[in-house]
Amino acid sequence: MSIISKIKSNPKLKKLALTMLIPKNESRPRLWVRWFLNPFKHKRGTKSVIRSRTRLDVFPFNQFVLGNESVIEDFATINNGVGDVIIGHKTFIGLGDVIIGPVRIGNHVMLAQNIVVSGLNHGYEDVEVPPSLQKVSCKEIVISDNVWIGANSVITAGVTLGKHCVIGAGSVVTKDVPAYTVAVGNPARLIKKYNPESGLWEKIGSS
């Protein structure tokens, strides 16, 4: 059994390790973790860019990978505390975006501004306990290659966005979106699909 497995299986060791990694009432790692652990643990591709005002709440016990020539813009937040965050090559994370793992993002993906992509949910079923104190659940979000997500959209836990699909601005995506389609609205619904025979993006339901 590895050291990490031993720590995770022992509640006392796990609590001690988390105290060493994370200040109380914080969701970001301690300074020594950011300076001395993360640079050796996490992978950044060549010519990738993380702007200086990005908030990287990434921890050594889960993966954070940023592909070649990918960009994370200012005021974005990346958090891998409850699941891996994997970002492919030549992908753009826009101003003010929030990415909470587990999330897997492909290549040539465009995220506009103020988008929330969160694989995390809090329980609420027990009415005697505040939701903030209930167990969390995690379902991986998968964003395939060539996807474009418009500003102010929300991608909820467990959703898969197929290759080259487009999400309109302000959409809330609660279900999988197939490849080569356009989805808009709250909740998001399909409005267009690419027809390879005609070479056109056709309205869904049109004759």
N, C-alpha and C. Protein backbone atom coordinates (compact mmCIF):
# COMPACT_ATOMS: atom_id res chain seq x y z
N MET A 1 0.85 -1.20 0.00
CA MET A 1 0.00 0.00 0.00
C MET A 1 0.89 1.25 0.00
N SER A 2 0.56 2.22 -0.87
CA SER A 2 1.36 3.44 -0.96
C SER A 2 1.11 4.34 0.24
N ILE A 3 1.99 5.33 0.42
CA ILE A 3 1.85 6.27 1.53
C ILE A 3 0.52 7.03 1.43
N ILE A 4 0.18 7.45 0.21
CA ILE A 4 -1.06 8.20 0.00
C ILE A 4 -2.27 7.35 0.36
N SER A 5 -2.24 6.07 -0.04
CA SER A 5 -3.35 5.15 0.29
C SER A 5 -3.48 4.96 1.79
N LYS A 6 -2.34 4.85 2.48
CA LYS A 6 -2.36 4.69 3.94
C LYS A 6 -2.97 5.91 4.60
N ILE A 7 -2.60 7.10 4.11
CA ILE A 7 -3.13 8.34 4.69
C ILE A 7 -4.65 8.43 4.45
N LYS A 8 -5.08 8.11 3.23
CA LYS A 8 -6.51 8.20 2.91
C LYS A 8 -7.34 7.21 3.71
N SER A 9 -6.77 6.06 4.05
CA SER A 9 -7.52 5.02 4.76
C SER A 9 -7.53 5.22 6.27
N ASN A 10 -6.70 6.15 6.78
CA ASN A 10 -6.62 6.39 8.21
C ASN A 10 -7.17 7.80 8.50
N PRO A 11 -8.35 7.90 9.14
CA PRO A 11 -8.98 9.21 9.36
C PRO A 11 -8.09 10.22 10.09
N LYS A 12 -7.33 9.76 11.09
CA LYS A 12 -6.47 10.68 11.85
C LYS A 12 -5.32 11.21 10.99
N LEU A 13 -4.68 10.30 10.24
CA LEU A 13 -3.60 10.72 9.34
C LEU A 13 -4.13 11.65 8.26
N LYS A 14 -5.33 11.32 7.74
CA LYS A 14 -5.92 12.15 6.69
C LYS A 14 -6.20 13.56 7.20
N LYS A 15 -6.74 13.66 8.42
CA LYS A 15 -7.02 14.97 9.00
C LYS A 15 -5.75 15.77 9.22
N LEU A 16 -4.69 15.09 9.69
CA LEU A 16 -3.40 15.76 9.90
C LEU A 16 -2.82 16.25 8.57
N ALA A 17 -2.89 15.40 7.55
CA ALA A 17 -2.35 15.76 6.25
C ALA A 17 -3.09 16.96 5.66
N LEU A 18 -4.41 16.96 5.78
CA LEU A 18 -5.20 18.08 5.25
C LEU A 18 -4.90 19.38 6.00
N THR A 19 -4.67 19.27 7.32
CA THR A 19 -4.32 20.45 8.11
C THR A 19 -2.99 21.03 7.65
N MET A 20 -2.05 20.16 7.31
CA MET A 20 -0.74 20.61 6.83
C MET A 20 -0.83 21.24 5.44
N LEU A 21 -1.80 20.78 4.64
CA LEU A 21 -1.91 21.25 3.25
C LEU A 21 -2.81 22.47 3.10
N ILE A 22 -3.86 22.55 3.93
CA ILE A 22 -4.91 23.56 3.73
C ILE A 22 -5.17 24.31 5.03
N PRO A 23 -5.10 25.65 5.02
CA PRO A 23 -5.45 26.41 6.23
C PRO A 23 -6.93 26.21 6.58
N LYS A 24 -7.26 26.35 7.85
CA LYS A 24 -8.64 26.21 8.30
C LYS A 24 -9.55 27.21 7.61
N ASN A 25 -10.73 26.74 7.20
CA ASN A 25 -11.74 27.57 6.52
C ASN A 25 -11.25 28.14 5.20
N GLU A 26 -10.31 27.45 4.58
CA GLU A 26 -9.80 27.87 3.27
C GLU A 26 -9.98 26.74 2.26
N SER A 27 -10.00 27.11 0.99
CA SER A 27 -10.06 26.10 -0.07
C SER A 27 -8.82 26.15 -0.96
N ARG A 28 -7.83 26.93 -0.53
CA ARG A 28 -6.58 27.02 -1.29
C ARG A 28 -5.45 26.39 -0.50
N PRO A 29 -4.42 25.90 -1.17
CA PRO A 29 -3.31 25.26 -0.46
C PRO A 29 -2.44 26.28 0.27
N ARG A 30 -1.70 25.79 1.26
CA ARG A 30 -0.75 26.65 1.96
C ARG A 30 0.35 27.08 1.00
N LEU A 31 1.03 28.16 1.38
CA LEU A 31 2.06 28.74 0.52
C LEU A 31 3.16 27.74 0.21
N TRP A 32 3.58 26.95 1.20
CA TRP A 32 4.67 26.00 0.98
C TRP A 32 4.27 24.92 -0.01
N VAL A 33 2.99 24.60 -0.05
CA VAL A 33 2.50 23.61 -1.03
C VAL A 33 2.60 24.20 -2.44
N ARG A 34 2.18 25.46 -2.57
CA ARG A 34 2.20 26.11 -3.89
C ARG A 34 3.63 26.28 -4.41
N TRP A 35 4.56 26.55 -3.47
CA TRP A 35 5.93 26.82 -3.89
C TRP A 35 6.78 25.57 -4.08
N PHE A 36 6.61 24.59 -3.19
CA PHE A 36 7.57 23.49 -3.15
C PHE A 36 7.01 22.12 -3.57
N LEU A 37 5.70 21.95 -3.58
CA LEU A 37 5.13 20.66 -3.98
C LEU A 37 4.53 20.71 -5.38
N ASN A 38 3.64 21.68 -5.60
CA ASN A 38 2.89 21.71 -6.86
C ASN A 38 3.77 21.78 -8.11
N PRO A 39 4.85 22.59 -8.12
CA PRO A 39 5.66 22.65 -9.34
C PRO A 39 6.26 21.31 -9.76
N PHE A 40 6.44 20.42 -8.79
CA PHE A 40 7.03 19.12 -9.11
C PHE A 40 5.96 18.06 -9.37
N LYS A 41 4.75 18.29 -8.88
CA LYS A 41 3.68 17.32 -9.02
C LYS A 41 2.88 17.51 -10.30
N HIS A 42 2.57 18.75 -10.64
CA HIS A 42 1.64 19.04 -11.73
C HIS A 42 2.38 19.30 -13.05
N LYS A 43 1.68 19.04 -14.15
CA LYS A 43 2.31 19.10 -15.47
C LYS A 43 1.80 20.29 -16.27
N ARG A 44 2.73 21.11 -16.74
CA ARG A 44 2.40 22.23 -17.62
C ARG A 44 3.11 22.04 -18.95
N GLY A 45 2.35 22.14 -20.04
CA GLY A 45 2.91 21.95 -21.37
C GLY A 45 3.74 23.14 -21.82
N THR A 46 4.51 22.93 -22.88
CA THR A 46 5.33 24.00 -23.43
C THR A 46 4.46 25.12 -23.98
N LYS A 47 4.91 26.35 -23.77
CA LYS A 47 4.24 27.56 -24.23
C LYS A 47 2.85 27.74 -23.63
N SER A 48 2.55 27.03 -22.54
CA SER A 48 1.28 27.28 -21.84
C SER A 48 1.42 28.55 -21.01
N VAL A 49 0.27 29.19 -20.75
CA VAL A 49 0.28 30.47 -20.03
C VAL A 49 -0.76 30.43 -18.92
N ILE A 50 -0.34 30.77 -17.70
CA ILE A 50 -1.25 30.99 -16.59
C ILE A 50 -1.04 32.43 -16.13
N ARG A 51 -2.05 33.27 -16.34
CA ARG A 51 -1.90 34.69 -16.00
C ARG A 51 -1.68 34.88 -14.50
N SER A 52 -1.05 35.99 -14.16
CA SER A 52 -0.60 36.22 -12.78
C SER A 52 -1.75 36.34 -11.79
N ARG A 53 -2.93 36.75 -12.26
CA ARG A 53 -4.06 36.93 -11.35
C ARG A 53 -5.03 35.75 -11.38
N THR A 54 -4.55 34.62 -11.89
CA THR A 54 -5.32 33.39 -11.81
C THR A 54 -5.22 32.83 -10.38
N ARG A 55 -6.31 32.26 -9.89
CA ARG A 55 -6.29 31.60 -8.58
C ARG A 55 -6.18 30.10 -8.80
N LEU A 56 -5.00 29.56 -8.48
CA LEU A 56 -4.74 28.13 -8.64
C LEU A 56 -4.89 27.44 -7.29
N ASP A 57 -6.07 26.93 -7.01
CA ASP A 57 -6.29 26.16 -5.79
C ASP A 57 -6.08 24.69 -6.13
N VAL A 58 -4.84 24.34 -6.40
CA VAL A 58 -4.53 22.95 -6.79
C VAL A 58 -3.66 22.30 -5.72
N PHE A 59 -3.94 21.01 -5.50
CA PHE A 59 -3.32 20.26 -4.42
C PHE A 59 -2.55 19.07 -4.99
N PRO A 60 -1.56 18.58 -4.27
CA PRO A 60 -0.72 17.50 -4.80
C PRO A 60 -1.39 16.14 -4.81
N PHE A 61 -2.52 15.97 -4.10
CA PHE A 61 -3.15 14.65 -4.03
C PHE A 61 -4.07 14.36 -5.21
N ASN A 62 -4.33 15.35 -6.07
CA ASN A 62 -5.07 15.13 -7.32
C ASN A 62 -4.29 15.76 -8.47
N GLN A 63 -4.63 15.36 -9.69
CA GLN A 63 -3.90 15.85 -10.86
C GLN A 63 -4.36 17.24 -11.29
N PHE A 64 -3.39 18.03 -11.74
CA PHE A 64 -3.66 19.23 -12.53
C PHE A 64 -2.72 19.20 -13.72
N VAL A 65 -3.28 19.17 -14.92
CA VAL A 65 -2.47 19.11 -16.14
C VAL A 65 -2.94 20.22 -17.09
N LEU A 66 -2.01 20.98 -17.62
CA LEU A 66 -2.31 22.01 -18.60
C LEU A 66 -1.48 21.72 -19.84
N GLY A 67 -2.16 21.57 -20.99
CA GLY A 67 -1.49 21.15 -22.21
C GLY A 67 -0.69 22.24 -22.89
N ASN A 68 -0.01 21.86 -23.95
CA ASN A 68 0.83 22.77 -24.72
C ASN A 68 0.01 23.93 -25.30
N GLU A 69 0.55 25.14 -25.16
CA GLU A 69 -0.02 26.36 -25.76
C GLU A 69 -1.42 26.69 -25.25
N SER A 70 -1.80 26.13 -24.12
CA SER A 70 -3.09 26.48 -23.53
C SER A 70 -2.94 27.71 -22.64
N VAL A 71 -4.05 28.43 -22.44
CA VAL A 71 -4.03 29.69 -21.70
C VAL A 71 -5.12 29.69 -20.64
N ILE A 72 -4.76 30.09 -19.43
CA ILE A 72 -5.74 30.37 -18.37
C ILE A 72 -5.67 31.86 -18.08
N GLU A 73 -6.76 32.56 -18.34
CA GLU A 73 -6.77 34.02 -18.24
C GLU A 73 -6.90 34.50 -16.79
N ASP A 74 -6.70 35.82 -16.61
CA ASP A 74 -6.80 36.45 -15.30
C ASP A 74 -8.16 36.20 -14.66
N PHE A 75 -8.15 36.13 -13.33
CA PHE A 75 -9.33 36.03 -12.47
C PHE A 75 -10.05 34.68 -12.59
N ALA A 76 -9.47 33.74 -13.34
CA ALA A 76 -10.02 32.39 -13.36
C ALA A 76 -9.63 31.67 -12.07
N THR A 77 -10.42 30.66 -11.70
CA THR A 77 -10.12 29.82 -10.54
C THR A 77 -10.10 28.36 -10.99
N ILE A 78 -9.02 27.67 -10.64
CA ILE A 78 -8.89 26.24 -10.93
C ILE A 78 -8.76 25.51 -9.61
N ASN A 79 -9.65 24.53 -9.36
CA ASN A 79 -9.63 23.82 -8.07
C ASN A 79 -9.72 22.31 -8.33
N ASN A 80 -8.69 21.59 -7.90
CA ASN A 80 -8.67 20.13 -8.06
C ASN A 80 -8.81 19.42 -6.72
N GLY A 81 -9.36 20.11 -5.73
CA GLY A 81 -9.42 19.56 -4.38
C GLY A 81 -10.22 18.28 -4.26
N VAL A 82 -11.27 18.13 -5.08
CA VAL A 82 -12.10 16.92 -4.99
C VAL A 82 -12.01 16.07 -6.25
N GLY A 83 -11.18 16.47 -7.22
CA GLY A 83 -11.05 15.68 -8.45
C GLY A 83 -10.07 16.31 -9.42
N ASP A 84 -9.50 15.47 -10.28
CA ASP A 84 -8.50 15.92 -11.25
C ASP A 84 -9.05 17.00 -12.17
N VAL A 85 -8.18 17.91 -12.56
CA VAL A 85 -8.48 18.88 -13.62
C VAL A 85 -7.45 18.68 -14.72
N ILE A 86 -7.90 18.18 -15.86
CA ILE A 86 -7.04 17.89 -17.00
C ILE A 86 -7.46 18.79 -18.15
N ILE A 87 -6.56 19.62 -18.63
CA ILE A 87 -6.84 20.55 -19.73
C ILE A 87 -5.90 20.23 -20.88
N GLY A 88 -6.45 20.07 -22.08
CA GLY A 88 -5.67 19.64 -23.24
C GLY A 88 -4.84 20.75 -23.87
N HIS A 89 -4.45 20.52 -25.11
CA HIS A 89 -3.57 21.42 -25.84
C HIS A 89 -4.36 22.52 -26.57
N LYS A 90 -3.76 23.72 -26.62
CA LYS A 90 -4.31 24.85 -27.36
C LYS A 90 -5.75 25.16 -26.94
N THR A 91 -5.98 25.07 -25.64
CA THR A 91 -7.30 25.34 -25.07
C THR A 91 -7.26 26.66 -24.31
N PHE A 92 -8.37 27.39 -24.36
CA PHE A 92 -8.43 28.74 -23.78
C PHE A 92 -9.46 28.78 -22.67
N ILE A 93 -9.01 29.12 -21.46
CA ILE A 93 -9.88 29.31 -20.30
C ILE A 93 -10.02 30.81 -20.07
N GLY A 94 -11.23 31.34 -20.20
CA GLY A 94 -11.43 32.78 -20.26
C GLY A 94 -11.43 33.50 -18.91
N LEU A 95 -11.53 34.82 -18.99
CA LEU A 95 -11.55 35.69 -17.81
C LEU A 95 -12.66 35.28 -16.84
N GLY A 96 -12.29 35.08 -15.57
CA GLY A 96 -13.28 34.84 -14.54
C GLY A 96 -13.91 33.46 -14.54
N ASP A 97 -13.39 32.54 -15.32
CA ASP A 97 -13.95 31.18 -15.34
C ASP A 97 -13.61 30.43 -14.06
N VAL A 98 -14.50 29.51 -13.67
CA VAL A 98 -14.28 28.67 -12.49
C VAL A 98 -14.33 27.21 -12.93
N ILE A 99 -13.25 26.49 -12.69
CA ILE A 99 -13.16 25.07 -13.06
C ILE A 99 -12.92 24.28 -11.78
N ILE A 100 -13.89 23.45 -11.38
CA ILE A 100 -13.78 22.63 -10.17
C ILE A 100 -13.88 21.17 -10.59
N GLY A 101 -12.84 20.39 -10.28
CA GLY A 101 -12.79 19.00 -10.70
C GLY A 101 -13.83 18.13 -10.01
N PRO A 102 -14.01 16.91 -10.49
CA PRO A 102 -13.26 16.32 -11.60
C PRO A 102 -13.75 16.80 -12.97
N VAL A 103 -12.80 17.32 -13.76
CA VAL A 103 -13.10 17.86 -15.08
C VAL A 103 -11.99 17.45 -16.05
N ARG A 104 -12.40 17.02 -17.23
CA ARG A 104 -11.45 16.69 -18.28
C ARG A 104 -11.83 17.49 -19.53
N ILE A 105 -10.92 18.36 -19.96
CA ILE A 105 -11.16 19.25 -21.10
C ILE A 105 -10.20 18.89 -22.22
N GLY A 106 -10.72 18.80 -23.45
CA GLY A 106 -9.93 18.36 -24.59
C GLY A 106 -9.07 19.45 -25.21
N ASN A 107 -8.72 19.24 -26.46
CA ASN A 107 -7.86 20.15 -27.21
C ASN A 107 -8.71 21.16 -28.00
N HIS A 108 -8.13 22.35 -28.21
CA HIS A 108 -8.77 23.39 -29.02
C HIS A 108 -10.15 23.75 -28.49
N VAL A 109 -10.30 23.76 -27.18
CA VAL A 109 -11.56 24.15 -26.55
C VAL A 109 -11.51 25.64 -26.22
N MET A 110 -12.65 26.33 -26.43
CA MET A 110 -12.75 27.75 -26.09
C MET A 110 -13.81 27.94 -25.01
N LEU A 111 -13.40 28.48 -23.88
CA LEU A 111 -14.33 28.90 -22.84
C LEU A 111 -14.29 30.42 -22.78
N ALA A 112 -15.44 31.04 -22.98
CA ALA A 112 -15.51 32.51 -22.91
C ALA A 112 -15.44 32.97 -21.46
N GLN A 113 -16.07 34.09 -21.12
CA GLN A 113 -15.89 34.69 -19.79
C GLN A 113 -16.95 34.22 -18.80
N ASN A 114 -16.55 34.16 -17.51
CA ASN A 114 -17.45 33.94 -16.38
C ASN A 114 -18.25 32.64 -16.49
N ILE A 115 -17.58 31.58 -16.91
CA ILE A 115 -18.19 30.26 -17.04
C ILE A 115 -17.88 29.45 -15.78
N VAL A 116 -18.86 28.65 -15.32
CA VAL A 116 -18.64 27.74 -14.21
C VAL A 116 -18.75 26.31 -14.71
N VAL A 117 -17.68 25.55 -14.49
CA VAL A 117 -17.65 24.12 -14.84
C VAL A 117 -17.32 23.40 -13.54
N SER A 118 -18.31 22.75 -12.93
CA SER A 118 -18.10 22.16 -11.61
C SER A 118 -18.58 20.72 -11.55
N GLY A 119 -17.64 19.82 -11.23
CA GLY A 119 -17.98 18.42 -11.03
C GLY A 119 -18.38 18.11 -9.60
N LEU A 120 -18.59 19.15 -8.78
CA LEU A 120 -18.87 18.99 -7.35
C LEU A 120 -20.29 19.40 -7.02
N ASN A 121 -20.93 18.61 -6.16
CA ASN A 121 -22.24 18.95 -5.60
C ASN A 121 -22.23 18.70 -4.10
N HIS A 122 -23.02 19.49 -3.36
CA HIS A 122 -23.22 19.25 -1.93
C HIS A 122 -24.54 18.52 -1.72
N GLY A 123 -24.55 17.62 -0.74
CA GLY A 123 -25.80 16.99 -0.34
C GLY A 123 -26.71 17.99 0.35
N TYR A 124 -28.01 17.74 0.32
CA TYR A 124 -28.98 18.62 0.97
C TYR A 124 -30.14 17.84 1.61
N GLU A 125 -30.13 16.52 1.44
CA GLU A 125 -31.29 15.71 1.78
C GLU A 125 -31.63 15.71 3.27
N ASP A 126 -30.61 15.76 4.14
CA ASP A 126 -30.83 15.76 5.58
C ASP A 126 -31.18 17.18 6.04
N VAL A 127 -32.45 17.40 6.40
CA VAL A 127 -32.90 18.76 6.74
C VAL A 127 -32.41 19.20 8.11
N GLU A 128 -31.80 18.28 8.90
CA GLU A 128 -31.27 18.65 10.20
C GLU A 128 -29.83 19.15 10.11
N VAL A 129 -29.23 19.04 8.93
CA VAL A 129 -27.82 19.41 8.74
C VAL A 129 -27.72 20.43 7.60
N PRO A 130 -26.99 21.54 7.80
CA PRO A 130 -26.81 22.50 6.71
C PRO A 130 -26.14 21.83 5.50
N PRO A 131 -26.53 22.19 4.28
CA PRO A 131 -25.89 21.61 3.09
C PRO A 131 -24.37 21.75 3.10
N SER A 132 -23.87 22.83 3.71
CA SER A 132 -22.41 23.04 3.74
C SER A 132 -21.69 21.99 4.56
N LEU A 133 -22.42 21.27 5.43
CA LEU A 133 -21.80 20.25 6.28
C LEU A 133 -22.12 18.83 5.82
N GLN A 134 -22.91 18.70 4.77
CA GLN A 134 -23.25 17.38 4.28
C GLN A 134 -22.21 16.88 3.30
N LYS A 135 -22.24 15.58 3.04
CA LYS A 135 -21.25 14.97 2.16
C LYS A 135 -21.34 15.54 0.75
N VAL A 136 -20.19 15.64 0.11
CA VAL A 136 -20.17 16.09 -1.27
C VAL A 136 -20.22 14.88 -2.20
N SER A 137 -20.73 15.11 -3.40
CA SER A 137 -20.70 14.08 -4.43
C SER A 137 -20.00 14.66 -5.65
N CYS A 138 -19.28 13.82 -6.37
CA CYS A 138 -18.51 14.27 -7.51
C CYS A 138 -18.81 13.40 -8.73
N LYS A 139 -19.03 14.04 -9.87
CA LYS A 139 -19.20 13.34 -11.14
C LYS A 139 -18.39 14.08 -12.20
N GLU A 140 -17.54 13.35 -12.90
CA GLU A 140 -16.62 13.99 -13.84
C GLU A 140 -17.37 14.65 -15.00
N ILE A 141 -16.94 15.85 -15.32
CA ILE A 141 -17.39 16.55 -16.53
C ILE A 141 -16.37 16.30 -17.62
N VAL A 142 -16.84 15.97 -18.82
CA VAL A 142 -15.96 15.76 -19.97
C VAL A 142 -16.34 16.76 -21.06
N ILE A 143 -15.38 17.58 -21.44
CA ILE A 143 -15.56 18.53 -22.54
C ILE A 143 -14.64 18.10 -23.66
N SER A 144 -15.22 17.64 -24.75
CA SER A 144 -14.44 17.04 -25.83
C SER A 144 -13.72 18.10 -26.67
N ASP A 145 -12.93 17.65 -27.63
CA ASP A 145 -12.16 18.55 -28.50
C ASP A 145 -13.06 19.52 -29.26
N ASN A 146 -12.55 20.72 -29.48
CA ASN A 146 -13.14 21.72 -30.40
C ASN A 146 -14.45 22.31 -29.90
N VAL A 147 -14.75 22.16 -28.62
CA VAL A 147 -15.99 22.71 -28.07
C VAL A 147 -15.84 24.20 -27.82
N TRP A 148 -16.94 24.95 -28.03
CA TRP A 148 -16.99 26.38 -27.77
C TRP A 148 -18.13 26.64 -26.80
N ILE A 149 -17.81 27.24 -25.63
CA ILE A 149 -18.81 27.55 -24.62
C ILE A 149 -18.92 29.06 -24.46
N GLY A 150 -20.15 29.58 -24.63
CA GLY A 150 -20.38 31.02 -24.56
C GLY A 150 -20.34 31.55 -23.14
N ALA A 151 -20.19 32.87 -23.01
CA ALA A 151 -20.03 33.55 -21.72
C ALA A 151 -21.19 33.28 -20.78
N ASN A 152 -20.88 33.24 -19.48
CA ASN A 152 -21.85 33.13 -18.39
C ASN A 152 -22.62 31.81 -18.38
N SER A 153 -22.06 30.78 -18.98
CA SER A 153 -22.70 29.47 -18.98
C SER A 153 -22.29 28.67 -17.74
N VAL A 154 -23.11 27.65 -17.42
CA VAL A 154 -22.84 26.74 -16.31
C VAL A 154 -22.91 25.31 -16.84
N ILE A 155 -21.86 24.53 -16.57
CA ILE A 155 -21.83 23.12 -16.94
C ILE A 155 -21.87 22.32 -15.64
N THR A 156 -22.92 21.52 -15.46
CA THR A 156 -23.12 20.84 -14.17
C THR A 156 -22.44 19.47 -14.14
N ALA A 157 -22.33 18.93 -12.93
CA ALA A 157 -21.59 17.69 -12.68
C ALA A 157 -22.13 16.54 -13.52
N GLY A 158 -21.20 15.74 -14.06
CA GLY A 158 -21.56 14.54 -14.79
C GLY A 158 -21.87 14.71 -16.26
N VAL A 159 -21.85 15.95 -16.73
CA VAL A 159 -22.21 16.23 -18.13
C VAL A 159 -21.03 15.93 -19.07
N THR A 160 -21.34 15.41 -20.26
CA THR A 160 -20.35 15.25 -21.32
C THR A 160 -20.76 16.11 -22.50
N LEU A 161 -19.84 16.93 -22.98
CA LEU A 161 -20.07 17.74 -24.18
C LEU A 161 -19.32 17.09 -25.33
N GLY A 162 -20.03 16.70 -26.37
CA GLY A 162 -19.43 16.00 -27.50
C GLY A 162 -18.56 16.90 -28.36
N LYS A 163 -17.79 16.29 -29.22
CA LYS A 163 -16.84 17.00 -30.07
C LYS A 163 -17.52 18.08 -30.91
N HIS A 164 -16.89 19.26 -30.95
CA HIS A 164 -17.30 20.38 -31.80
C HIS A 164 -18.74 20.81 -31.55
N CYS A 165 -19.22 20.64 -30.30
CA CYS A 165 -20.53 21.21 -30.00
C CYS A 165 -20.35 22.65 -29.52
N VAL A 166 -21.44 23.42 -29.58
CA VAL A 166 -21.42 24.84 -29.21
C VAL A 166 -22.49 25.06 -28.15
N ILE A 167 -22.10 25.75 -27.07
CA ILE A 167 -23.03 26.09 -25.99
C ILE A 167 -23.24 27.60 -26.02
N GLY A 168 -24.51 28.01 -26.22
CA GLY A 168 -24.81 29.44 -26.31
C GLY A 168 -24.60 30.16 -25.00
N ALA A 169 -24.33 31.46 -25.07
CA ALA A 169 -24.07 32.27 -23.88
C ALA A 169 -25.24 32.19 -22.90
N GLY A 170 -24.91 32.11 -21.63
CA GLY A 170 -25.92 32.10 -20.58
C GLY A 170 -26.64 30.79 -20.39
N SER A 171 -26.16 29.73 -21.01
CA SER A 171 -26.84 28.43 -20.91
C SER A 171 -26.48 27.71 -19.61
N VAL A 172 -27.41 26.86 -19.15
CA VAL A 172 -27.16 25.97 -18.02
C VAL A 172 -27.31 24.55 -18.54
N VAL A 173 -26.19 23.84 -18.61
CA VAL A 173 -26.18 22.52 -19.23
C VAL A 173 -26.28 21.46 -18.15
N THR A 174 -27.39 20.71 -18.15
CA THR A 174 -27.65 19.71 -17.13
C THR A 174 -27.64 18.29 -17.69
N LYS A 175 -27.57 18.17 -19.04
CA LYS A 175 -27.56 16.86 -19.67
C LYS A 175 -26.47 16.83 -20.75
N ASP A 176 -26.07 15.64 -21.16
CA ASP A 176 -25.06 15.49 -22.21
C ASP A 176 -25.51 16.20 -23.49
N VAL A 177 -24.52 16.76 -24.19
CA VAL A 177 -24.78 17.41 -25.48
C VAL A 177 -24.02 16.63 -26.55
N PRO A 178 -24.71 16.12 -27.58
CA PRO A 178 -24.04 15.31 -28.60
C PRO A 178 -23.03 16.12 -29.41
N ALA A 179 -22.15 15.41 -30.09
CA ALA A 179 -21.18 16.05 -30.97
C ALA A 179 -21.88 16.78 -32.11
N TYR A 180 -21.26 17.87 -32.56
CA TYR A 180 -21.71 18.62 -33.73
C TYR A 180 -23.15 19.12 -33.58
N THR A 181 -23.46 19.65 -32.40
CA THR A 181 -24.76 20.25 -32.16
C THR A 181 -24.58 21.60 -31.49
N VAL A 182 -25.65 22.40 -31.48
CA VAL A 182 -25.68 23.68 -30.77
C VAL A 182 -26.78 23.59 -29.72
N ALA A 183 -26.45 23.95 -28.48
CA ALA A 183 -27.41 23.93 -27.38
C ALA A 183 -27.46 25.30 -26.72
N VAL A 184 -28.67 25.75 -26.37
CA VAL A 184 -28.84 27.06 -25.72
C VAL A 184 -29.94 26.97 -24.66
N GLY A 185 -29.92 27.91 -23.71
CA GLY A 185 -31.02 28.06 -22.78
C GLY A 185 -30.78 27.49 -21.40
N ASN A 186 -31.81 27.64 -20.54
CA ASN A 186 -31.77 27.17 -19.17
C ASN A 186 -33.08 26.43 -18.85
N PRO A 187 -33.04 25.10 -18.79
CA PRO A 187 -31.90 24.22 -19.10
C PRO A 187 -31.62 24.20 -20.59
N ALA A 188 -30.38 23.91 -20.95
CA ALA A 188 -29.98 23.96 -22.36
C ALA A 188 -30.73 22.90 -23.17
N ARG A 189 -31.12 23.29 -24.39
CA ARG A 189 -31.79 22.38 -25.31
C ARG A 189 -31.12 22.49 -26.67
N LEU A 190 -31.21 21.43 -27.46
CA LEU A 190 -30.58 21.40 -28.77
C LEU A 190 -31.41 22.22 -29.76
N ILE A 191 -30.71 23.05 -30.53
CA ILE A 191 -31.42 23.84 -31.56
C ILE A 191 -30.87 23.60 -32.96
N LYS A 192 -29.62 23.12 -33.06
CA LYS A 192 -29.03 22.88 -34.38
C LYS A 192 -28.17 21.62 -34.34
N LYS A 193 -28.02 21.01 -35.52
CA LYS A 193 -27.15 19.85 -35.67
C LYS A 193 -26.50 19.90 -37.03
N TYR A 194 -25.21 19.54 -37.07
CA TYR A 194 -24.49 19.54 -38.35
C TYR A 194 -24.89 18.32 -39.16
N ASN A 195 -25.24 18.58 -40.45
CA ASN A 195 -25.58 17.51 -41.39
C ASN A 195 -24.40 17.29 -42.33
N PRO A 196 -23.67 16.18 -42.18
CA PRO A 196 -22.49 15.96 -43.03
C PRO A 196 -22.83 15.78 -44.50
N GLU A 197 -24.07 15.38 -44.80
CA GLU A 197 -24.46 15.20 -46.20
C GLU A 197 -24.65 16.53 -46.91
N SER A 198 -25.28 17.48 -46.23
CA SER A 198 -25.50 18.80 -46.84
C SER A 198 -24.36 19.77 -46.55
N GLY A 199 -23.56 19.46 -45.50
CA GLY A 199 -22.50 20.38 -45.10
C GLY A 199 -23.02 21.61 -44.39
N LEU A 200 -24.26 21.53 -43.86
CA LEU A 200 -24.89 22.68 -43.22
C LEU A 200 -25.27 22.37 -41.78
N TRP A 201 -25.31 23.44 -40.95
CA TRP A 201 -25.85 23.35 -39.60
C TRP A 201 -27.35 23.58 -39.71
N GLU A 202 -28.15 22.56 -39.45
CA GLU A 202 -29.59 22.63 -39.68
C GLU A 202 -30.35 22.71 -38.37
N LYS A 203 -31.45 23.48 -38.38
CA LYS A 203 -32.29 23.57 -37.20
C LYS A 203 -32.89 22.21 -36.89
N ILE A 204 -32.89 21.87 -35.64
CA ILE A 204 -33.48 20.59 -35.24
C ILE A 204 -34.99 20.69 -35.28
N GLY A 205 -35.62 19.72 -35.94
CA GLY A 205 -37.07 19.72 -36.08
C GLY A 205 -37.55 20.35 -37.36
N SER A 206 -36.60 20.97 -38.12
CA SER A 206 -36.99 21.55 -39.41
C SER A 206 -37.11 20.48 -40.46
N SER A 207 -37.95 20.71 -41.45
CA SER A 207 -38.17 19.72 -42.51
C SER A 207 -37.05 19.79 -43.53
